[in-house]
Amino acid sequence: MVPAQQQVPAGMAMAEKALARAAGRQHVAAGEFVTASIDLVMTHDIFAADVFGLLAEAGISRVWDPERVVVVFDHLVPAPTIAAAEAQRRAREHIAHFGVRHFYGERAGICHQVLAEKGHALPGRLLVATDSHTTTVGALGTAGTGIGTSEMAYVLATGRLWFKVPETIRVELAGQLPAWATTKDLVLFLAGRYGADVARYCALEYGGPGAASLSVDSRLTVCNMGVELGAKFAFFEADQVTLAYLASRTSEPLEPFGPDPGARYRTTYHLDLSSLEPQVALPHNIDNVRPVSEALGLRIDQAFVGSCTNGRLEDLEAAATILRGRQVHPSVRMIVVPASQEVYAEAARRGLLEVFSQAGAVVLSPGCGPCFGGHQGLLAPGERCIGTHNRNFRGRMGSPQAEIYLASPATVAASAVAGAIADPREL
């Protein structure tokens, strides 16, 4: 009797490869459930006290591996209320008790930027955090996703968590970005064309020659907004650009990480970057997107450059290029928030902070700033803000009667000068 030919498993997409490694498996496929070992966890000031408090209440006296725990204070810094100050005090006590090795407090910046800068996000690794924008680290080839407080307590105690292996959507990029179009415009365009739920519980995988041409800063922007398209994970391949960025930030061995040949995808979208133009997301949804030419002249009250989406050096340079030698419109207040202390220091060295100050913008210390809407840059009823952050939901930045428009740093800066939504290409 002739034995049946053994079926060869299909190649794996990046999410499948990362979860297979974490689960100790040779192969996994979309739709399977796996229990995975976590490489790193992160929590921030909004949830840290509650997460560690759950462990203490359960009588758990140690986390599974203090070396794999990162805590950052970034949302409410400096503490704007007594309640925030109390939560941060309790978090500090828990952090000391549990021996957390990587506690950055309010001194480093926004958590997702810190994970990248400090070499915590590595290709092929699995990282979970109590923040939905943890997909950001996929720019470095890391499988990063957000989880809740009870899940985080479980991971801190055990180092493990179950996952359903997601299907993957491939976004094949060709060409190069034209002048004044950015990867913020890319992801807004995708949201507008395919909808905010196009990748619900899928992984997004960006590739092709257009992807290879993008900087790490640009890739971080795209992956940050992966969750705004519904994605569980978002990835760029860890190529030589990635490895060069990480080389001085970690002593861990680094290798390229990407999909297998023959990887299976739910669907593949093709986009020529050279065809992009500046985009704007109108209230009150991320997928209510128009080319900037269809929103010109709409009066604004506030302009914001910053957040975990667009507070990096590349973003500040784009805004400063527009603002150099110009003034923020008298009826507009402009707020600039570098994503980290590293970005802040380099922006100061390059004279960017001076450009912002001379133009009439206010520069705040690194943190989430107005994006979170907790205490900085709140909007009054009827006001409009155009910003570089990732969400324009009603009430996100103060009054539910205010309006939020999302755009690239260049478009935001041009609008700040004009006093109304403007096209950076016209300046």
Protein backbone atom coordinates (compact mmCIF):
# COMPACT_ATOMS: atom_id res chain seq x y z
CA MET A 1 0.00 0.00 0.00
CA VAL A 2 1.42 3.40 -1.00
CA PRO A 3 1.43 5.86 1.93
CA ALA A 4 -0.48 9.09 1.39
CA GLN A 5 1.75 12.02 0.56
CA GLN A 6 2.37 14.15 3.65
CA GLN A 7 0.82 17.59 3.32
CA VAL A 8 3.31 20.43 3.69
CA PRO A 9 1.99 23.28 5.87
CA ALA A 10 1.52 26.63 4.15
CA GLY A 11 3.99 29.40 4.85
CA MET A 12 3.12 31.66 7.76
CA ALA A 13 2.42 35.38 7.85
CA MET A 14 4.24 37.47 10.46
CA ALA A 15 1.52 37.20 13.14
CA GLU A 16 1.42 33.43 12.72
CA LYS A 17 5.21 33.15 12.95
CA ALA A 18 5.38 35.28 16.11
CA LEU A 19 2.58 33.34 17.82
CA ALA A 20 4.04 29.98 16.75
CA ARG A 21 7.37 30.92 18.31
CA ALA A 22 5.70 32.15 21.50
CA ALA A 23 3.60 28.98 21.74
CA GLY A 24 6.57 26.68 21.15
CA ARG A 25 5.04 25.38 17.93
CA GLN A 26 6.56 24.75 14.51
CA HIS A 27 3.44 25.96 12.76
CA VAL A 28 0.12 27.66 13.55
CA ALA A 29 -2.69 28.77 11.27
CA ALA A 30 -5.35 31.45 11.41
CA GLY A 31 -8.31 30.42 13.55
CA GLU A 32 -6.34 28.23 15.96
CA PHE A 33 -6.20 28.96 19.68
CA VAL A 34 -2.77 28.93 21.29
CA THR A 35 -1.32 29.58 24.72
CA ALA A 36 1.74 31.77 24.29
CA SER A 37 4.67 32.79 26.46
CA ILE A 38 4.95 36.57 26.65
CA ASP A 39 8.30 38.24 25.99
CA LEU A 40 7.51 41.63 27.52
CA VAL A 41 4.65 43.47 29.21
CA MET A 42 4.02 47.18 29.65
CA THR A 43 1.53 49.19 31.66
CA HIS A 44 1.20 52.93 32.22
CA ASP A 45 -0.07 55.33 34.86
CA ILE A 46 -3.75 54.96 33.97
CA PHE A 47 -3.78 51.24 34.85
CA ALA A 48 -0.59 50.45 36.79
CA ALA A 49 -2.03 50.87 40.29
CA ASP A 50 -5.08 48.73 39.48
CA VAL A 51 -3.09 45.99 37.73
CA PHE A 52 -0.58 45.53 40.54
CA GLY A 53 -3.36 45.99 43.07
CA LEU A 54 -5.13 42.94 41.64
CA LEU A 55 -2.00 40.89 42.24
CA ALA A 56 -1.67 42.15 45.80
CA GLU A 57 -5.35 41.41 46.52
CA ALA A 58 -4.86 37.86 45.26
CA GLY A 59 -1.93 37.36 47.64
CA ILE A 60 0.61 37.15 44.81
CA SER A 61 3.91 38.49 46.06
CA ARG A 62 6.00 38.47 42.88
CA VAL A 63 5.62 38.87 39.14
CA TRP A 64 6.71 36.05 36.89
CA ASP A 65 9.79 37.93 35.63
CA PRO A 66 10.60 41.47 36.85
CA GLU A 67 13.06 41.91 33.95
CA ARG A 68 10.24 41.65 31.43
CA VAL A 69 8.00 44.32 32.93
CA VAL A 70 8.01 47.96 31.79
CA VAL A 71 6.04 50.76 33.47
CA VAL A 72 5.77 54.30 32.08
CA PHE A 73 3.88 57.33 33.34
CA ASP A 74 2.69 59.31 30.31
CA HIS A 75 -1.04 60.01 30.30
CA LEU A 76 -1.48 62.22 33.37
CA VAL A 77 1.90 63.86 33.86
CA PRO A 78 2.50 65.96 35.79
CA ALA A 79 -0.44 64.69 37.86
CA PRO A 80 -3.31 67.16 37.25
CA THR A 81 -5.62 65.98 40.06
CA ILE A 82 -5.38 64.58 43.56
CA ALA A 83 -6.85 61.31 42.29
CA ALA A 84 -4.14 61.01 39.61
CA ALA A 85 -1.42 61.81 42.14
CA GLU A 86 -2.79 59.17 44.52
CA ALA A 87 -2.94 56.54 41.76
CA GLN A 88 0.65 57.28 40.81
CA ARG A 89 1.74 57.08 44.45
CA ARG A 90 0.12 53.65 44.81
CA ALA A 91 1.65 52.52 41.54
CA ARG A 92 5.14 53.53 42.72
CA GLU A 93 4.66 51.55 45.94
CA HIS A 94 3.58 48.45 43.99
CA ILE A 95 6.43 48.83 41.51
CA ALA A 96 8.97 48.89 44.33
CA HIS A 97 7.28 45.95 46.08
CA PHE A 98 7.24 43.76 42.96
CA GLY A 99 10.77 44.69 41.96
CA VAL A 100 9.93 45.95 38.48
CA ARG A 101 13.25 46.56 36.70
CA HIS A 102 12.15 48.97 33.96
CA PHE A 103 10.26 51.81 35.59
CA TYR A 104 10.65 55.07 33.67
CA GLY A 105 8.16 57.17 35.59
CA GLU A 106 7.32 60.45 33.84
CA ARG A 107 10.91 60.97 32.70
CA ALA A 108 11.00 59.11 29.38
CA GLY A 109 7.91 59.99 27.36
CA ILE A 110 4.98 58.19 25.74
CA CYS A 111 5.02 54.47 26.45
CA HIS A 112 4.98 53.26 22.82
CA GLN A 113 7.85 55.56 21.85
CA VAL A 114 9.77 54.47 24.96
CA LEU A 115 9.35 50.78 24.08
CA ALA A 116 10.95 51.46 20.71
CA GLU A 117 13.70 53.82 21.88
CA LYS A 118 14.82 51.72 24.83
CA GLY A 119 15.16 48.54 22.77
CA HIS A 120 12.28 46.68 24.41
CA ALA A 121 10.45 45.92 21.14
CA LEU A 122 12.37 43.31 19.16
CA PRO A 123 11.62 41.50 15.89
CA GLY A 124 9.54 38.35 16.20
CA ARG A 125 8.81 38.84 19.92
CA LEU A 126 5.37 38.96 21.57
CA LEU A 127 4.56 42.07 23.63
CA VAL A 128 1.32 42.93 25.44
CA ALA A 129 0.36 46.15 27.17
CA THR A 130 -2.62 47.87 28.78
CA ASP A 131 -2.99 50.30 25.90
CA SER A 132 -4.78 49.77 22.60
CA HIS A 133 -2.05 51.45 20.56
CA THR A 134 0.49 48.75 21.40
CA THR A 135 0.24 47.79 17.72
CA THR A 136 2.81 50.61 17.30
CA VAL A 137 5.74 48.28 17.99
CA GLY A 138 4.88 46.22 14.92
CA ALA A 139 6.93 48.82 13.02
CA LEU A 140 9.94 46.93 14.41
CA GLY A 141 8.57 43.51 13.54
CA THR A 142 7.20 42.97 17.07
CA ALA A 143 3.82 41.35 17.67
CA GLY A 144 2.29 43.94 19.98
CA THR A 145 -1.31 44.17 21.14
CA GLY A 146 -3.36 45.76 23.89
CA ILE A 147 -5.03 43.81 26.70
CA GLY A 148 -7.23 44.62 29.72
CA THR A 149 -6.27 44.96 33.38
CA SER A 150 -7.42 41.50 34.48
CA GLU A 151 -5.57 39.91 31.55
CA MET A 152 -2.47 41.90 32.45
CA ALA A 153 -2.65 40.73 36.06
CA TYR A 154 -2.82 37.15 34.80
CA VAL A 155 0.20 37.69 32.54
CA LEU A 156 2.18 39.32 35.34
CA ALA A 157 1.51 36.29 37.51
CA THR A 158 2.07 33.56 34.90
CA GLY A 159 3.91 35.00 31.90
CA ARG A 160 1.37 33.42 29.56
CA LEU A 161 -1.84 34.28 27.74
CA TRP A 162 -4.12 32.63 25.18
CA PHE A 163 -4.66 34.02 21.69
CA LYS A 164 -6.77 33.23 18.68
CA VAL A 165 -4.38 33.31 15.72
CA PRO A 166 -5.69 36.11 13.48
CA GLU A 167 -6.05 36.13 9.74
CA THR A 168 -3.69 38.56 8.03
CA ILE A 169 -4.40 41.32 5.54
CA ARG A 170 -1.45 42.24 3.35
CA VAL A 171 -0.98 45.85 2.23
CA GLU A 172 1.46 45.89 -0.67
CA LEU A 173 3.04 49.31 -1.12
CA ALA A 174 4.78 50.56 -4.25
CA GLY A 175 6.38 53.87 -5.18
CA GLN A 176 7.49 56.63 -2.84
CA LEU A 177 5.64 59.36 -1.00
CA PRO A 178 5.44 62.67 -2.88
CA ALA A 179 6.33 65.97 -1.22
CA TRP A 180 4.11 66.79 1.78
CA ALA A 181 2.35 63.44 1.78
CA THR A 182 3.15 61.22 4.76
CA THR A 183 2.34 57.85 6.23
CA LYS A 184 -0.35 59.57 8.32
CA ASP A 185 -2.01 60.35 5.02
CA LEU A 186 -1.50 56.71 4.01
CA VAL A 187 -3.35 55.28 6.99
CA LEU A 188 -6.09 57.91 6.81
CA PHE A 189 -6.56 57.05 3.14
CA LEU A 190 -6.87 53.35 4.00
CA ALA A 191 -9.42 54.13 6.72
CA GLY A 192 -11.44 56.27 4.36
CA ARG A 193 -11.42 53.75 1.53
CA TYR A 194 -11.92 50.49 3.44
CA GLY A 195 -13.51 51.54 6.75
CA ALA A 196 -12.47 51.61 10.38
CA ASP A 197 -13.29 47.93 10.87
CA VAL A 198 -11.58 46.58 7.74
CA ALA A 199 -9.05 44.63 9.82
CA ARG A 200 -11.23 43.65 12.78
CA TYR A 201 -9.33 40.94 14.70
CA CYS A 202 -6.90 40.56 11.82
CA ALA A 203 -3.21 41.32 11.54
CA LEU A 204 -2.15 44.03 9.10
CA GLU A 205 1.10 43.33 7.30
CA TYR A 206 2.71 46.13 5.26
CA GLY A 207 5.24 45.14 2.64
CA GLY A 208 6.56 45.70 -0.86
CA PRO A 209 9.17 48.12 -2.23
CA GLY A 210 7.20 51.13 -1.00
CA ALA A 211 7.32 49.84 2.57
CA ALA A 212 11.07 49.28 2.37
CA SER A 213 11.55 52.97 1.50
CA LEU A 214 9.92 54.21 4.72
CA SER A 215 11.78 55.35 7.83
CA VAL A 216 11.22 53.80 11.25
CA ASP A 217 9.41 56.98 12.35
CA SER A 218 7.02 56.64 9.42
CA ARG A 219 6.43 52.95 10.06
CA LEU A 220 5.65 53.63 13.72
CA THR A 221 2.90 56.03 12.65
CA VAL A 222 1.26 53.42 10.42
CA CYS A 223 1.38 50.62 12.97
CA ASN A 224 0.18 52.91 15.75
CA MET A 225 -3.06 53.42 13.86
CA GLY A 226 -3.44 49.73 13.04
CA VAL A 227 -5.86 49.42 15.94
CA GLU A 228 -7.94 52.24 14.42
CA LEU A 229 -8.56 49.87 11.51
CA GLY A 230 -9.56 47.13 13.96
CA ALA A 231 -6.28 45.20 13.82
CA LYS A 232 -5.00 42.87 16.53
CA PHE A 233 -1.44 43.33 15.27
CA ALA A 234 0.19 45.55 12.65
CA PHE A 235 3.57 44.81 11.09
CA PHE A 236 6.36 45.98 8.88
CA GLU A 237 9.08 43.48 8.09
CA ALA A 238 12.15 43.80 10.29
CA ASP A 239 14.65 44.65 7.54
CA GLN A 240 18.02 46.39 7.53
CA VAL A 241 16.34 49.73 8.31
CA THR A 242 14.85 48.15 11.44
CA LEU A 243 18.05 46.44 12.51
CA ALA A 244 20.09 49.62 12.07
CA TYR A 245 17.62 51.49 14.30
CA LEU A 246 17.79 48.82 17.02
CA ALA A 247 21.52 48.12 16.87
CA SER A 248 22.48 50.87 19.34
CA ARG A 249 19.40 50.34 21.53
CA THR A 250 19.76 46.73 22.61
CA SER A 251 22.43 44.12 23.26
CA GLU A 252 20.04 41.35 22.21
CA PRO A 253 20.89 39.46 18.98
CA LEU A 254 18.97 40.86 16.03
CA GLU A 255 17.81 39.07 12.90
CA PRO A 256 15.48 40.05 10.04
CA PHE A 257 11.90 38.95 10.53
CA GLY A 258 9.21 38.74 7.88
CA PRO A 259 6.58 36.44 6.39
CA ASP A 260 7.36 33.06 4.91
CA PRO A 261 7.28 32.54 1.17
CA GLY A 262 3.81 31.33 0.30
CA ALA A 263 2.17 32.93 3.35
CA ARG A 264 -1.61 32.97 3.09
CA TYR A 265 -3.56 36.21 3.41
CA ARG A 266 -7.23 36.96 3.87
CA THR A 267 -6.87 39.60 1.17
CA THR A 268 -4.19 41.84 -0.33
CA TYR A 269 -4.55 45.54 -1.02
CA HIS A 270 -2.22 47.36 -3.42
CA LEU A 271 -1.38 51.04 -3.08
CA ASP A 272 1.05 53.28 -4.96
CA LEU A 273 2.45 55.74 -2.42
CA SER A 274 3.22 58.24 -5.17
CA SER A 275 -0.54 58.71 -5.73
CA LEU A 276 -1.20 59.92 -2.18
CA GLU A 277 -2.13 63.48 -1.28
CA PRO A 278 -2.70 65.05 2.15
CA GLN A 279 -5.82 63.70 3.87
CA VAL A 280 -8.07 64.89 6.70
CA ALA A 281 -10.35 62.80 8.93
CA LEU A 282 -13.48 64.80 9.70
CA PRO A 283 -15.57 64.42 12.89
CA HIS A 284 -16.44 62.15 14.50
CA ASN A 285 -14.94 58.97 13.05
CA ILE A 286 -11.53 57.93 11.85
CA ASP A 287 -12.92 56.73 8.52
CA ASN A 288 -14.74 59.97 7.68
CA VAL A 289 -11.82 60.94 5.46
CA ARG A 290 -11.50 63.46 2.63
CA PRO A 291 -8.57 64.85 0.65
CA VAL A 292 -7.48 68.11 2.23
CA SER A 293 -8.67 69.93 -0.88
CA GLU A 294 -12.26 69.15 0.16
CA ALA A 295 -11.87 70.67 3.63
CA LEU A 296 -9.97 73.87 2.85
CA GLY A 297 -10.93 77.02 4.67
CA LEU A 298 -12.72 75.48 7.63
CA ARG A 299 -11.88 77.74 10.58
CA ILE A 300 -9.96 76.17 13.50
CA ASP A 301 -9.32 77.19 17.11
CA GLN A 302 -6.51 74.79 18.03
CA ALA A 303 -3.71 72.90 16.29
CA PHE A 304 -1.88 70.00 17.92
CA VAL A 305 1.32 68.25 16.86
CA GLY A 306 2.27 65.29 19.02
CA SER A 307 0.96 61.99 20.47
CA CYS A 308 2.16 58.41 20.06
CA THR A 309 1.11 58.71 16.41
CA ASN A 310 3.03 61.79 15.28
CA GLY A 311 5.24 63.18 18.05
CA ARG A 312 8.54 61.86 16.69
CA LEU A 313 11.49 63.82 15.34
CA GLU A 314 10.46 63.37 11.71
CA ASP A 315 7.04 64.81 12.59
CA LEU A 316 8.43 67.81 14.44
CA GLU A 317 10.81 68.55 11.56
CA ALA A 318 7.92 68.58 9.08
CA ALA A 319 5.90 70.97 11.23
CA ALA A 320 8.92 73.20 11.86
CA THR A 321 9.65 73.41 8.13
CA ILE A 322 6.19 74.89 7.60
CA LEU A 323 6.40 77.22 10.61
CA ARG A 324 9.92 78.55 10.07
CA GLY A 325 9.67 82.29 9.40
CA ARG A 326 5.89 82.26 9.84
CA GLN A 327 3.45 82.95 12.68
CA VAL A 328 0.61 80.91 14.10
CA HIS A 329 -2.63 82.69 13.24
CA PRO A 330 -3.76 85.06 16.04
CA SER A 331 -7.04 83.18 16.49
CA VAL A 332 -5.34 79.79 16.83
CA ARG A 333 -3.57 78.26 19.81
CA MET A 334 -0.96 75.71 18.75
CA ILE A 335 0.39 72.99 21.04
CA VAL A 336 3.46 70.86 20.29
CA VAL A 337 4.31 67.82 22.43
CA PRO A 338 7.43 65.72 21.65
CA ALA A 339 6.80 61.99 22.07
CA SER A 340 9.79 61.42 24.36
CA GLN A 341 12.65 63.06 26.19
CA GLU A 342 14.99 61.72 23.51
CA VAL A 343 12.93 63.42 20.81
CA TYR A 344 12.66 66.60 22.90
CA ALA A 345 16.44 66.81 23.39
CA GLU A 346 17.23 66.22 19.73
CA ALA A 347 14.56 68.69 18.63
CA ALA A 348 16.15 71.27 20.93
CA ARG A 349 19.63 70.50 19.54
CA ARG A 350 18.36 71.02 16.00
CA GLY A 351 16.63 74.30 16.87
CA LEU A 352 13.11 73.01 16.26
CA LEU A 353 11.79 74.05 19.65
CA GLU A 354 13.01 77.59 19.00
CA VAL A 355 11.14 77.61 15.67
CA PHE A 356 7.93 76.58 17.43
CA SER A 357 8.37 79.18 20.14
CA GLN A 358 9.13 81.99 17.72
CA ALA A 359 6.10 81.04 15.62
CA GLY A 360 3.85 81.35 18.68
CA ALA A 361 3.31 77.68 19.51
CA VAL A 362 3.40 76.30 23.05
CA VAL A 363 5.79 73.37 23.60
CA LEU A 364 4.85 71.00 26.42
CA SER A 365 6.92 68.34 28.16
CA PRO A 366 6.83 64.84 26.62
CA GLY A 367 3.66 62.86 27.23
CA CYS A 368 0.27 62.10 25.76
CA GLY A 369 -0.78 65.74 26.08
CA PRO A 370 -4.05 66.89 24.47
CA CYS A 371 -4.62 63.57 22.67
CA PHE A 372 -5.85 61.94 25.86
CA GLY A 373 -8.02 64.91 26.77
CA GLY A 374 -7.28 64.54 30.45
CA HIS A 375 -5.94 67.94 31.35
CA GLN A 376 -4.11 69.70 28.51
CA GLY A 377 -5.53 71.46 25.48
CA LEU A 378 -9.21 70.86 26.21
CA LEU A 379 -11.76 72.21 23.76
CA ALA A 380 -14.76 74.36 24.60
CA PRO A 381 -18.21 73.78 23.06
CA GLY A 382 -18.21 74.72 19.37
CA GLU A 383 -14.42 74.78 19.03
CA ARG A 384 -12.45 72.91 16.39
CA CYS A 385 -9.02 71.30 16.66
CA ILE A 386 -6.89 69.82 13.91
CA GLY A 387 -4.29 67.44 15.29
CA THR A 388 -1.89 64.64 14.52
CA HIS A 389 -3.32 62.21 17.04
CA ASN A 390 -5.15 58.97 16.27
CA ARG A 391 -8.77 59.48 17.38
CA ASN A 392 -11.38 62.11 16.68
CA PHE A 393 -14.24 60.67 18.73
CA ARG A 394 -16.82 63.02 20.18
CA GLY A 395 -15.64 64.31 23.57
CA ARG A 396 -12.09 63.00 23.14
CA MET A 397 -10.55 66.43 23.82
CA GLY A 398 -13.07 68.04 26.12
CA SER A 399 -16.54 69.20 25.17
CA PRO A 400 -18.70 66.71 23.23
CA GLN A 401 -19.86 69.76 21.25
CA ALA A 402 -16.30 70.32 19.94
CA GLU A 403 -14.94 68.93 16.68
CA ILE A 404 -11.65 67.11 16.05
CA TYR A 405 -9.97 66.80 12.66
CA LEU A 406 -6.99 64.49 12.10
CA ALA A 407 -4.14 65.15 9.69
CA SER A 408 -0.37 64.98 9.22
CA PRO A 409 2.06 67.30 11.04
CA ALA A 410 2.58 69.33 7.86
CA THR A 411 -1.15 69.81 7.31
CA VAL A 412 -1.66 70.74 10.96
CA ALA A 413 1.16 73.30 10.84
CA ALA A 414 -0.13 74.81 7.60
CA SER A 415 -3.59 75.08 9.12
CA ALA A 416 -2.19 76.74 12.24
CA VAL A 417 -0.63 79.44 10.08
CA ALA A 418 -3.75 79.93 7.95
CA GLY A 419 -6.23 79.88 10.83
CA ALA A 420 -8.24 77.33 8.87
CA ILE A 421 -7.63 73.89 7.36
CA ALA A 422 -4.97 74.36 4.71
CA ASP A 423 -2.94 72.35 2.20
CA PRO A 424 0.78 72.26 3.11
CA ARG A 425 1.65 72.06 -0.59
CA GLU A 426 0.36 75.61 -1.03
CA LEU A 427 2.87 77.00 1.48
